Amino acid sequence: TRPIHATAIRVAKARGLKVHVFEEGYLRPYWVTYERNGA
């Protein structure tokens, strides 16, 4: 969601690139979140 990342995701998707998004885990504290394209 931070502006530099939001811009980068928009540009990457328009070019057909894979977008790997890390985030704190949905099931904390023992996991982290890894998703393609958005979290």
PDB file of all heavy atoms in Angstrom:
ATOM      1  N   THR A   1       0.791  -1.230   0.000  1.00  0.00           N
ATOM      2  CA  THR A   1       0.000   0.000   0.000  1.00  0.00           C
ATOM      3  C   THR A   1       0.827   1.286   0.000  1.00  0.00           C
ATOM      4  O   THR A   1       0.316   2.328  -0.397  1.00  0.00           O
ATOM      5  CB  THR A   1      -0.946   0.047   1.218  1.00  0.00           C
ATOM      6  OG1 THR A   1      -0.169  -0.006   2.424  1.00  0.00           O
ATOM      7  CG2 THR A   1      -1.930  -1.119   1.178  1.00  0.00           C
ATOM      8  N   ARG A   2       2.090   1.239   0.456  1.00  0.00           N
ATOM      9  CA  ARG A   2       2.876   2.475   0.447  1.00  0.00           C
ATOM     10  C   ARG A   2       3.011   2.952  -0.996  1.00  0.00           C
ATOM     11  O   ARG A   2       3.095   2.130  -1.927  1.00  0.00           O
ATOM     12  CB  ARG A   2       4.223   2.278   1.124  1.00  0.00           C
ATOM     13  CG  ARG A   2       5.162   1.311   0.433  1.00  0.00           C
ATOM     14  CD  ARG A   2       6.401   1.014   1.277  1.00  0.00           C
ATOM     15  NE  ARG A   2       6.097   0.251   2.468  1.00  0.00           N
ATOM     16  CZ  ARG A   2       7.013  -0.174   3.338  1.00  0.00           C
ATOM     17  NH1 ARG A   2       8.298   0.101   3.142  1.00  0.00           N
ATOM     18  NH2 ARG A   2       6.654  -0.867   4.403  1.00  0.00           N
ATOM     19  N   PRO A   3       3.015   4.261  -1.227  1.00  0.00           N
ATOM     20  CA  PRO A   3       2.914   4.795  -2.602  1.00  0.00           C
ATOM     21  C   PRO A   3       3.931   4.231  -3.588  1.00  0.00           C
ATOM     22  O   PRO A   3       3.572   3.914  -4.726  1.00  0.00           O
ATOM     23  CB  PRO A   3       3.089   6.296  -2.398  1.00  0.00           C
ATOM     24  CG  PRO A   3       2.555   6.552  -1.018  1.00  0.00           C
ATOM     25  CD  PRO A   3       2.959   5.347  -0.217  1.00  0.00           C
ATOM     26  N   ILE A   4       5.197   4.094  -3.188  1.00  0.00           N
ATOM     27  CA  ILE A   4       6.193   3.595  -4.140  1.00  0.00           C
ATOM     28  C   ILE A   4       5.900   2.156  -4.538  1.00  0.00           C
ATOM     29  O   ILE A   4       6.151   1.742  -5.675  1.00  0.00           O
ATOM     30  CB  ILE A   4       7.632   3.718  -3.587  1.00  0.00           C
ATOM     31  CG1 ILE A   4       7.764   3.002  -2.243  1.00  0.00           C
ATOM     32  CG2 ILE A   4       8.055   5.165  -3.499  1.00  0.00           C
ATOM     33  CD1 ILE A   4       9.191   2.955  -1.712  1.00  0.00           C
ATOM     34  N   HIS A   5       5.338   1.382  -3.621  1.00  0.00           N
ATOM     35  CA  HIS A   5       5.005  -0.004  -3.935  1.00  0.00           C
ATOM     36  C   HIS A   5       3.733  -0.102  -4.759  1.00  0.00           C
ATOM     37  O   HIS A   5       3.638  -0.930  -5.677  1.00  0.00           O
ATOM     38  CB  HIS A   5       4.866  -0.817  -2.649  1.00  0.00           C
ATOM     39  CG  HIS A   5       6.166  -1.130  -1.989  1.00  0.00           C
ATOM     40  ND1 HIS A   5       6.275  -1.798  -0.789  1.00  0.00           N
ATOM     41  CD2 HIS A   5       7.446  -0.856  -2.378  1.00  0.00           C
ATOM     42  CE1 HIS A   5       7.554  -1.936  -0.468  1.00  0.00           C
ATOM     43  NE2 HIS A   5       8.282  -1.359  -1.420  1.00  0.00           N
ATOM     44  N   ALA A   6       2.754   0.723  -4.435  1.00  0.00           N
ATOM     45  CA  ALA A   6       1.507   0.709  -5.218  1.00  0.00           C
ATOM     46  C   ALA A   6       1.784   1.056  -6.678  1.00  0.00           C
ATOM     47  O   ALA A   6       1.246   0.421  -7.597  1.00  0.00           O
ATOM     48  CB  ALA A   6       0.500   1.684  -4.612  1.00  0.00           C
ATOM     49  N   THR A   7       2.639   2.054  -6.896  1.00  0.00           N
ATOM     50  CA  THR A   7       3.018   2.417  -8.265  1.00  0.00           C
ATOM     51  C   THR A   7       3.747   1.270  -8.952  1.00  0.00           C
ATOM     52  O   THR A   7       3.467   0.930 -10.111  1.00  0.00           O
ATOM     53  CB  THR A   7       3.918   3.667  -8.252  1.00  0.00           C
ATOM     54  OG1 THR A   7       3.193   4.765  -7.708  1.00  0.00           O
ATOM     55  CG2 THR A   7       4.400   4.014  -9.649  1.00  0.00           C
ATOM     56  N   ALA A   8       4.686   0.657  -8.235  1.00  0.00           N
ATOM     57  CA  ALA A   8       5.475  -0.430  -8.818  1.00  0.00           C
ATOM     58  C   ALA A   8       4.599  -1.623  -9.185  1.00  0.00           C
ATOM     59  O   ALA A   8       4.791  -2.253 -10.234  1.00  0.00           O
ATOM     60  CB  ALA A   8       6.567  -0.857  -7.842  1.00  0.00           C
ATOM     61  N   ILE A   9       3.641  -1.951  -8.342  1.00  0.00           N
ATOM     62  CA  ILE A   9       2.747  -3.080  -8.629  1.00  0.00           C
ATOM     63  C   ILE A   9       1.914  -2.793  -9.869  1.00  0.00           C
ATOM     64  O   ILE A   9       1.735  -3.663 -10.738  1.00  0.00           O
ATOM     65  CB  ILE A   9       1.853  -3.369  -7.407  1.00  0.00           C
ATOM     66  CG1 ILE A   9       2.695  -3.934  -6.260  1.00  0.00           C
ATOM     67  CG2 ILE A   9       0.738  -4.344  -7.774  1.00  0.00           C
ATOM     68  CD1 ILE A   9       1.949  -4.072  -4.949  1.00  0.00           C
ATOM     69  N   ARG A  10       1.408  -1.583  -9.966  1.00  0.00           N
ATOM     70  CA  ARG A  10       0.603  -1.217 -11.144  1.00  0.00           C
ATOM     71  C   ARG A  10       1.432  -1.355 -12.421  1.00  0.00           C
ATOM     72  O   ARG A  10       0.968  -1.930 -13.422  1.00  0.00           O
ATOM     73  CB  ARG A  10       0.084   0.214 -10.982  1.00  0.00           C
ATOM     74  CG  ARG A  10      -0.658   0.741 -12.222  1.00  0.00           C
ATOM     75  CD  ARG A  10      -1.286   2.093 -11.939  1.00  0.00           C
ATOM     76  NE  ARG A  10      -0.358   3.063 -11.413  1.00  0.00           N
ATOM     77  CZ  ARG A  10       0.528   3.748 -12.140  1.00  0.00           C
ATOM     78  NH1 ARG A  10       0.616   3.526 -13.454  1.00  0.00           N
ATOM     79  NH2 ARG A  10       1.323   4.638 -11.574  1.00  0.00           N
ATOM     80  N   VAL A  11       2.660  -0.853 -12.403  1.00  0.00           N
ATOM     81  CA  VAL A  11       3.528  -0.927 -13.581  1.00  0.00           C
ATOM     82  C   VAL A  11       3.888  -2.381 -13.889  1.00  0.00           C
ATOM     83  O   VAL A  11       3.853  -2.812 -15.052  1.00  0.00           O
ATOM     84  CB  VAL A  11       4.805  -0.087 -13.354  1.00  0.00           C
ATOM     85  CG1 VAL A  11       5.815  -0.325 -14.481  1.00  0.00           C
ATOM     86  CG2 VAL A  11       4.467   1.387 -13.243  1.00  0.00           C
ATOM     87  N   ALA A  12       4.215  -3.153 -12.845  1.00  0.00           N
ATOM     88  CA  ALA A  12       4.614  -4.548 -13.051  1.00  0.00           C
ATOM     89  C   ALA A  12       3.476  -5.379 -13.627  1.00  0.00           C
ATOM     90  O   ALA A  12       3.680  -6.190 -14.544  1.00  0.00           O
ATOM     91  CB  ALA A  12       5.094  -5.143 -11.726  1.00  0.00           C
ATOM     92  N   LYS A  13       2.273  -5.186 -13.125  1.00  0.00           N
ATOM     93  CA  LYS A  13       1.125  -5.944 -13.637  1.00  0.00           C
ATOM     94  C   LYS A  13       0.841  -5.605 -15.089  1.00  0.00           C
ATOM     95  O   LYS A  13       0.490  -6.480 -15.888  1.00  0.00           O
ATOM     96  CB  LYS A  13      -0.102  -5.677 -12.765  1.00  0.00           C
ATOM     97  CG  LYS A  13      -0.057  -6.347 -11.397  1.00  0.00           C
ATOM     98  CD  LYS A  13      -1.336  -6.074 -10.624  1.00  0.00           C
ATOM     99  CE  LYS A  13      -1.341  -6.792  -9.292  1.00  0.00           C
ATOM    100  NZ  LYS A  13      -2.589  -6.520  -8.519  1.00  0.00           N
ATOM    101  N   ALA A  14       0.990  -4.319 -15.441  1.00  0.00           N
ATOM    102  CA  ALA A  14       0.745  -3.902 -16.822  1.00  0.00           C
ATOM    103  C   ALA A  14       1.740  -4.550 -17.780  1.00  0.00           C
ATOM    104  O   ALA A  14       1.437  -4.766 -18.961  1.00  0.00           O
ATOM    105  CB  ALA A  14       0.825  -2.384 -16.930  1.00  0.00           C
ATOM    106  N   ARG A  15       2.932  -4.910 -17.258  1.00  0.00           N
ATOM    107  CA  ARG A  15       3.957  -5.533 -18.086  1.00  0.00           C
ATOM    108  C   ARG A  15       3.927  -7.067 -18.003  1.00  0.00           C
ATOM    109  O   ARG A  15       4.768  -7.734 -18.601  1.00  0.00           O
ATOM    110  CB  ARG A  15       5.338  -5.018 -17.659  1.00  0.00           C
ATOM    111  CG  ARG A  15       5.502  -3.520 -17.842  1.00  0.00           C
ATOM    112  CD  ARG A  15       6.759  -3.027 -17.123  1.00  0.00           C
ATOM    113  NE  ARG A  15       7.977  -3.482 -17.747  1.00  0.00           N
ATOM    114  CZ  ARG A  15       8.765  -2.753 -18.538  1.00  0.00           C
ATOM    115  NH1 ARG A  15       8.428  -1.497 -18.821  1.00  0.00           N
ATOM    116  NH2 ARG A  15       9.870  -3.243 -19.036  1.00  0.00           N
ATOM    117  N   GLY A  16       3.013  -7.601 -17.201  1.00  0.00           N
ATOM    118  CA  GLY A  16       2.911  -9.047 -17.065  1.00  0.00           C
ATOM    119  C   GLY A  16       3.971  -9.665 -16.179  1.00  0.00           C
ATOM    120  O   GLY A  16       4.247 -10.874 -16.285  1.00  0.00           O
ATOM    121  N   LEU A  17       4.570  -8.893 -15.275  1.00  0.00           N
ATOM    122  CA  LEU A  17       5.588  -9.425 -14.369  1.00  0.00           C
ATOM    123  C   LEU A  17       4.935 -10.116 -13.177  1.00  0.00           C
ATOM    124  O   LEU A  17       3.811  -9.807 -12.793  1.00  0.00           O
ATOM    125  CB  LEU A  17       6.489  -8.298 -13.866  1.00  0.00           C
ATOM    126  CG  LEU A  17       7.146  -7.391 -14.905  1.00  0.00           C
ATOM    127  CD1 LEU A  17       8.099  -6.417 -14.224  1.00  0.00           C
ATOM    128  CD2 LEU A  17       7.877  -8.208 -15.961  1.00  0.00           C
ATOM    129  N   LYS A  18       5.661 -11.036 -12.575  1.00  0.00           N
ATOM    130  CA  LYS A  18       5.204 -11.653 -11.335  1.00  0.00           C
ATOM    131  C   LYS A  18       5.462 -10.685 -10.180  1.00  0.00           C
ATOM    132  O   LYS A  18       6.534 -10.067 -10.106  1.00  0.00           O
ATOM    133  CB  LYS A  18       5.938 -12.964 -11.074  1.00  0.00           C
ATOM    134  CG  LYS A  18       5.602 -14.077 -12.048  1.00  0.00           C
ATOM    135  CD  LYS A  18       6.405 -15.332 -11.703  1.00  0.00           C
ATOM    136  CE  LYS A  18       6.160 -16.441 -12.718  1.00  0.00           C
ATOM    137  NZ  LYS A  18       7.018 -17.618 -12.455  1.00  0.00           N
ATOM    138  N   VAL A  19       4.503 -10.567  -9.295  1.00  0.00           N
ATOM    139  CA  VAL A  19       4.635  -9.688  -8.130  1.00  0.00           C
ATOM    140  C   VAL A  19       4.554 -10.542  -6.874  1.00  0.00           C
ATOM    141  O   VAL A  19       3.548 -11.209  -6.620  1.00  0.00           O
ATOM    142  CB  VAL A  19       3.532  -8.609  -8.111  1.00  0.00           C
ATOM    143  CG1 VAL A  19       3.678  -7.727  -6.870  1.00  0.00           C
ATOM    144  CG2 VAL A  19       3.589  -7.763  -9.381  1.00  0.00           C
ATOM    145  N   HIS A  20       5.633 -10.541  -6.089  1.00  0.00           N
ATOM    146  CA  HIS A  20       5.726 -11.325  -4.858  1.00  0.00           C
ATOM    147  C   HIS A  20       5.566 -10.375  -3.674  1.00  0.00           C
ATOM    148  O   HIS A  20       6.415  -9.493  -3.458  1.00  0.00           O
ATOM    149  CB  HIS A  20       7.075 -12.039  -4.768  1.00  0.00           C
ATOM    150  CG  HIS A  20       7.416 -12.858  -5.985  1.00  0.00           C
ATOM    151  ND1 HIS A  20       7.154 -14.211  -6.074  1.00  0.00           N
ATOM    152  CD2 HIS A  20       7.992 -12.506  -7.175  1.00  0.00           C
ATOM    153  CE1 HIS A  20       7.563 -14.672  -7.253  1.00  0.00           C
ATOM    154  NE2 HIS A  20       8.073 -13.653  -7.938  1.00  0.00           N
ATOM    155  N   VAL A  21       4.492 -10.547  -2.904  1.00  0.00           N
ATOM    156  CA  VAL A  21       4.201  -9.642  -1.796  1.00  0.00           C
ATOM    157  C   VAL A  21       4.376 -10.383  -0.475  1.00  0.00           C
ATOM    158  O   VAL A  21       3.745 -11.419  -0.233  1.00  0.00           O
ATOM    159  CB  VAL A  21       2.766  -9.082  -1.883  1.00  0.00           C
ATOM    160  CG1 VAL A  21       2.487  -8.138  -0.708  1.00  0.00           C
ATOM    161  CG2 VAL A  21       2.563  -8.354  -3.206  1.00  0.00           C
ATOM    162  N   PHE A  22       5.239  -9.840   0.376  1.00  0.00           N
ATOM    163  CA  PHE A  22       5.382 -10.346   1.739  1.00  0.00           C
ATOM    164  C   PHE A  22       4.638  -9.413   2.686  1.00  0.00           C
ATOM    165  O   PHE A  22       4.547  -8.209   2.463  1.00  0.00           O
ATOM    166  CB  PHE A  22       6.858 -10.402   2.144  1.00  0.00           C
ATOM    167  CG  PHE A  22       7.628 -11.527   1.499  1.00  0.00           C
ATOM    168  CD1 PHE A  22       8.279 -11.330   0.293  1.00  0.00           C
ATOM    169  CD2 PHE A  22       7.690 -12.773   2.099  1.00  0.00           C
ATOM    170  CE1 PHE A  22       8.986 -12.362  -0.319  1.00  0.00           C
ATOM    171  CE2 PHE A  22       8.388 -13.813   1.499  1.00  0.00           C
ATOM    172  CZ  PHE A  22       9.041 -13.602   0.290  1.00  0.00           C
ATOM    173  N   GLU A  23       4.126  -9.994   3.758  1.00  0.00           N
ATOM    174  CA  GLU A  23       3.415  -9.217   4.766  1.00  0.00           C
ATOM    175  C   GLU A  23       3.479 -10.001   6.071  1.00  0.00           C
ATOM    176  O   GLU A  23       3.787 -11.201   6.077  1.00  0.00           O
ATOM    177  CB  GLU A  23       1.958  -8.988   4.308  1.00  0.00           C
ATOM    178  CG  GLU A  23       1.116  -8.102   5.193  1.00  0.00           C
ATOM    179  CD  GLU A  23       1.724  -6.731   5.442  1.00  0.00           C
ATOM    180  OE1 GLU A  23       2.513  -6.655   6.404  1.00  0.00           O
ATOM    181  OE2 GLU A  23       1.427  -5.776   4.705  1.00  0.00           O
ATOM    182  N   GLU A  24       3.196  -9.323   7.188  1.00  0.00           N
ATOM    183  CA  GLU A  24       3.100 -10.049   8.449  1.00  0.00           C
ATOM    184  C   GLU A  24       2.011 -11.115   8.305  1.00  0.00           C
ATOM    185  O   GLU A  24       1.069 -10.968   7.537  1.00  0.00           O
ATOM    186  CB  GLU A  24       2.757  -9.093   9.589  1.00  0.00           C
ATOM    187  CG  GLU A  24       3.749  -7.961   9.779  1.00  0.00           C
ATOM    188  CD  GLU A  24       5.135  -8.422  10.202  1.00  0.00           C
ATOM    189  OE1 GLU A  24       5.261  -9.544  10.742  1.00  0.00           O
ATOM    190  OE2 GLU A  24       6.110  -7.663   9.997  1.00  0.00           O
ATOM    191  N   GLY A  25       2.135 -12.195   9.060  1.00  0.00           N
ATOM    192  CA  GLY A  25       1.260 -13.334   8.866  1.00  0.00           C
ATOM    193  C   GLY A  25      -0.201 -13.057   9.175  1.00  0.00           C
ATOM    194  O   GLY A  25      -0.521 -12.333  10.115  1.00  0.00           O
ATOM    195  N   TYR A  26      -1.084 -13.650   8.384  1.00  0.00           N
ATOM    196  CA  TYR A  26      -2.502 -13.630   8.737  1.00  0.00           C
ATOM    197  C   TYR A  26      -2.728 -14.471   9.991  1.00  0.00           C
ATOM    198  O   TYR A  26      -3.647 -14.213  10.761  1.00  0.00           O
ATOM    199  CB  TYR A  26      -3.353 -14.204   7.598  1.00  0.00           C
ATOM    200  CG  TYR A  26      -3.292 -13.434   6.306  1.00  0.00           C
ATOM    201  CD1 TYR A  26      -3.370 -14.087   5.079  1.00  0.00           C
ATOM    202  CD2 TYR A  26      -3.164 -12.037   6.290  1.00  0.00           C
ATOM    203  CE1 TYR A  26      -3.331 -13.388   3.878  1.00  0.00           C
ATOM    204  CE2 TYR A  26      -3.111 -11.335   5.099  1.00  0.00           C
ATOM    205  CZ  TYR A  26      -3.186 -12.020   3.896  1.00  0.00           C
ATOM    206  OH  TYR A  26      -3.140 -11.318   2.708  1.00  0.00           O
ATOM    207  N   LEU A  27      -1.911 -15.495  10.150  1.00  0.00           N
ATOM    208  CA  LEU A  27      -1.971 -16.373  11.319  1.00  0.00           C
ATOM    209  C   LEU A  27      -0.691 -16.166  12.124  1.00  0.00           C
ATOM    210  O   LEU A  27       0.274 -16.908  11.980  1.00  0.00           O
ATOM    211  CB  LEU A  27      -2.119 -17.836  10.892  1.00  0.00           C
ATOM    212  CG  LEU A  27      -3.332 -18.161  10.019  1.00  0.00           C
ATOM    213  CD1 LEU A  27      -3.272 -19.607   9.546  1.00  0.00           C
ATOM    214  CD2 LEU A  27      -4.624 -17.898  10.761  1.00  0.00           C
ATOM    215  N   ARG A  28      -0.675 -15.130  12.937  1.00  0.00           N
ATOM    216  CA  ARG A  28       0.528 -14.828  13.717  1.00  0.00           C
ATOM    217  C   ARG A  28       0.469 -15.578  15.045  1.00  0.00           C
ATOM    218  O   ARG A  28      -0.602 -15.984  15.486  1.00  0.00           O
ATOM    219  CB  ARG A  28       0.602 -13.315  13.976  1.00  0.00           C
ATOM    220  CG  ARG A  28       0.675 -12.482  12.722  1.00  0.00           C
ATOM    221  CD  ARG A  28       0.868 -11.016  13.047  1.00  0.00           C
ATOM    222  NE  ARG A  28       0.455 -10.179  11.922  1.00  0.00           N
ATOM    223  CZ  ARG A  28       0.457  -8.859  11.938  1.00  0.00           C
ATOM    224  NH1 ARG A  28       0.862  -8.216  13.003  1.00  0.00           N
ATOM    225  NH2 ARG A  28       0.062  -8.174  10.891  1.00  0.00           N
ATOM    226  N   PRO A  29       1.636 -15.734  15.684  1.00  0.00           N
ATOM    227  CA  PRO A  29       2.934 -15.165  15.346  1.00  0.00           C
ATOM    228  C   PRO A  29       3.880 -16.124  14.641  1.00  0.00           C
ATOM    229  O   PRO A  29       5.053 -15.821  14.474  1.00  0.00           O
ATOM    230  CB  PRO A  29       3.492 -14.826  16.736  1.00  0.00           C
ATOM    231  CG  PRO A  29       2.959 -15.937  17.598  1.00  0.00           C
ATOM    232  CD  PRO A  29       1.603 -16.279  17.052  1.00  0.00           C
ATOM    233  N   TYR A  30       3.412 -17.295  14.227  1.00  0.00           N
ATOM    234  CA  TYR A  30       4.338 -18.322  13.758  1.00  0.00           C
ATOM    235  C   TYR A  30       4.463 -18.413  12.244  1.00  0.00           C
ATOM    236  O   TYR A  30       5.227 -19.213  11.729  1.00  0.00           O
ATOM    237  CB  TYR A  30       3.913 -19.681  14.322  1.00  0.00           C
ATOM    238  CG  TYR A  30       3.738 -19.666  15.820  1.00  0.00           C
ATOM    239  CD1 TYR A  30       2.554 -20.100  16.405  1.00  0.00           C
ATOM    240  CD2 TYR A  30       4.745 -19.188  16.657  1.00  0.00           C
ATOM    241  CE1 TYR A  30       2.388 -20.082  17.783  1.00  0.00           C
ATOM    242  CE2 TYR A  30       4.587 -19.152  18.024  1.00  0.00           C
ATOM    243  CZ  TYR A  30       3.409 -19.605  18.587  1.00  0.00           C
ATOM    244  OH  TYR A  30       3.250 -19.571  19.944  1.00  0.00           O
ATOM    245  N   TRP A  31       3.693 -17.618  11.519  1.00  0.00           N
ATOM    246  CA  TRP A  31       3.742 -17.631  10.062  1.00  0.00           C
ATOM    247  C   TRP A  31       3.900 -16.209   9.534  1.00  0.00           C
ATOM    248  O   TRP A  31       3.540 -15.233  10.204  1.00  0.00           O
ATOM    249  CB  TRP A  31       2.447 -18.206   9.475  1.00  0.00           C
ATOM    250  CG  TRP A  31       2.226 -19.662   9.693  1.00  0.00           C
ATOM    251  CD1 TRP A  31       2.614 -20.692   8.884  1.00  0.00           C
ATOM    252  CD2 TRP A  31       1.528 -20.288  10.780  1.00  0.00           C
ATOM    253  NE1 TRP A  31       2.209 -21.901   9.390  1.00  0.00           N
ATOM    254  CE2 TRP A  31       1.538 -21.678  10.560  1.00  0.00           C
ATOM    255  CE3 TRP A  31       0.889 -19.787  11.930  1.00  0.00           C
ATOM    256  CZ2 TRP A  31       0.956 -22.583  11.439  1.00  0.00           C
ATOM    257  CZ3 TRP A  31       0.308 -20.685  12.805  1.00  0.00           C
ATOM    258  CH2 TRP A  31       0.341 -22.060  12.560  1.00  0.00           C
ATOM    259  N   VAL A  32       4.400 -16.096   8.308  1.00  0.00           N
ATOM    260  CA  VAL A  32       4.352 -14.833   7.575  1.00  0.00           C
ATOM    261  C   VAL A  32       3.498 -15.069   6.333  1.00  0.00           C
ATOM    262  O   VAL A  32       3.260 -16.208   5.923  1.00  0.00           O
ATOM    263  CB  VAL A  32       5.752 -14.322   7.171  1.00  0.00           C
ATOM    264  CG1 VAL A  32       6.661 -14.199   8.376  1.00  0.00           C
ATOM    265  CG2 VAL A  32       6.381 -15.211   6.116  1.00  0.00           C
ATOM    266  N   THR A  33       3.035 -13.981   5.757  1.00  0.00           N
ATOM    267  CA  THR A  33       2.204 -14.068   4.562  1.00  0.00           C
ATOM    268  C   THR A  33       3.055 -13.888   3.317  1.00  0.00           C
ATOM    269  O   THR A  33       3.869 -12.958   3.237  1.00  0.00           O
ATOM    270  CB  THR A  33       1.102 -12.993   4.595  1.00  0.00           C
ATOM    271  OG1 THR A  33       0.217 -13.271   5.689  1.00  0.00           O
ATOM    272  CG2 THR A  33       0.296 -12.983   3.307  1.00  0.00           C
ATOM    273  N   TYR A  34       2.867 -14.778   2.358  1.00  0.00           N
ATOM    274  CA  TYR A  34       3.473 -14.643   1.034  1.00  0.00           C
ATOM    275  C   TYR A  34       2.377 -14.879   0.012  1.00  0.00           C
ATOM    276  O   TYR A  34       1.777 -15.962  -0.030  1.00  0.00           O
ATOM    277  CB  TYR A  34       4.612 -15.648   0.835  1.00  0.00           C
ATOM    278  CG  TYR A  34       5.014 -15.782  -0.622  1.00  0.00           C
ATOM    279  CD1 TYR A  34       5.730 -14.767  -1.249  1.00  0.00           C
ATOM    280  CD2 TYR A  34       4.641 -16.890  -1.373  1.00  0.00           C
ATOM    281  CE1 TYR A  34       6.067 -14.869  -2.593  1.00  0.00           C
ATOM    282  CE2 TYR A  34       4.978 -17.002  -2.706  1.00  0.00           C
ATOM    283  CZ  TYR A  34       5.693 -15.987  -3.315  1.00  0.00           C
ATOM    284  OH  TYR A  34       6.018 -16.077  -4.641  1.00  0.00           O
ATOM    285  N   GLU A  35       2.102 -13.865  -0.803  1.00  0.00           N
ATOM    286  CA  GLU A  35       1.079 -13.982  -1.839  1.00  0.00           C
ATOM    287  C   GLU A  35       1.576 -13.355  -3.131  1.00  0.00           C
ATOM    288  O   GLU A  35       2.446 -12.483  -3.124  1.00  0.00           O
ATOM    289  CB  GLU A  35      -0.220 -13.293  -1.406  1.00  0.00           C
ATOM    290  CG  GLU A  35      -0.935 -13.970  -0.251  1.00  0.00           C
ATOM    291  CD  GLU A  35      -2.379 -13.541  -0.160  1.00  0.00           C
ATOM    292  OE1 GLU A  35      -3.212 -14.092  -0.891  1.00  0.00           O
ATOM    293  OE2 GLU A  35      -2.678 -12.637   0.657  1.00  0.00           O
ATOM    294  N   ARG A  36       0.990 -13.772  -4.211  1.00  0.00           N
ATOM    295  CA  ARG A  36       1.247 -13.151  -5.506  1.00  0.00           C
ATOM    296  C   ARG A  36       0.246 -12.007  -5.711  1.00  0.00           C
ATOM    297  O   ARG A  36      -0.940 -12.158  -5.437  1.00  0.00           O
ATOM    298  CB  ARG A  36       1.099 -14.170  -6.640  1.00  0.00           C
ATOM    299  CG  ARG A  36       2.081 -15.343  -6.588  1.00  0.00           C
ATOM    300  CD  ARG A  36       3.451 -14.977  -7.116  1.00  0.00           C
ATOM    301  NE  ARG A  36       4.375 -16.110  -7.064  1.00  0.00           N
ATOM    302  CZ  ARG A  36       4.589 -16.956  -8.071  1.00  0.00           C
ATOM    303  NH1 ARG A  36       3.928 -16.829  -9.208  1.00  0.00           N
ATOM    304  NH2 ARG A  36       5.466 -17.938  -7.941  1.00  0.00           N
ATOM    305  N   ASN A  37       0.740 -10.879  -6.155  1.00  0.00           N
ATOM    306  CA  ASN A  37      -0.058  -9.728  -6.630  1.00  0.00           C
ATOM    307  C   ASN A  37      -0.652  -8.828  -5.550  1.00  0.00           C
ATOM    308  O   ASN A  37      -0.918  -7.661  -5.819  1.00  0.00           O
ATOM    309  CB  ASN A  37      -1.175 -10.189  -7.567  1.00  0.00           C
ATOM    310  CG  ASN A  37      -0.628 -10.852  -8.812  1.00  0.00           C
ATOM    311  OD1 ASN A  37       0.353 -10.388  -9.389  1.00  0.00           O
ATOM    312  ND2 ASN A  37      -1.239 -11.957  -9.218  1.00  0.00           N
ATOM    313  N   GLY A  38      -0.868  -9.301  -4.332  1.00  0.00           N
ATOM    314  CA  GLY A  38      -1.420  -8.412  -3.315  1.00  0.00           C
ATOM    315  C   GLY A  38      -1.715  -9.150  -2.026  1.00  0.00           C
ATOM    316  O   GLY A  38      -1.877 -10.373  -2.010  1.00  0.00           O
ATOM    317  N   ALA A  39      -1.779  -8.389  -0.913  1.00  0.00           N
ATOM    318  CA  ALA A  39      -2.059  -8.969   0.402  1.00  0.00           C
ATOM    319  C   ALA A  39      -3.126  -8.135   1.096  1.00  0.00           C
ATOM    320  O   ALA A  39      -3.518  -7.069   0.633  1.00  0.00           O
ATOM    321  CB  ALA A  39      -0.784  -9.022   1.247  1.00  0.00           C
TER     322      ALA A  39
END
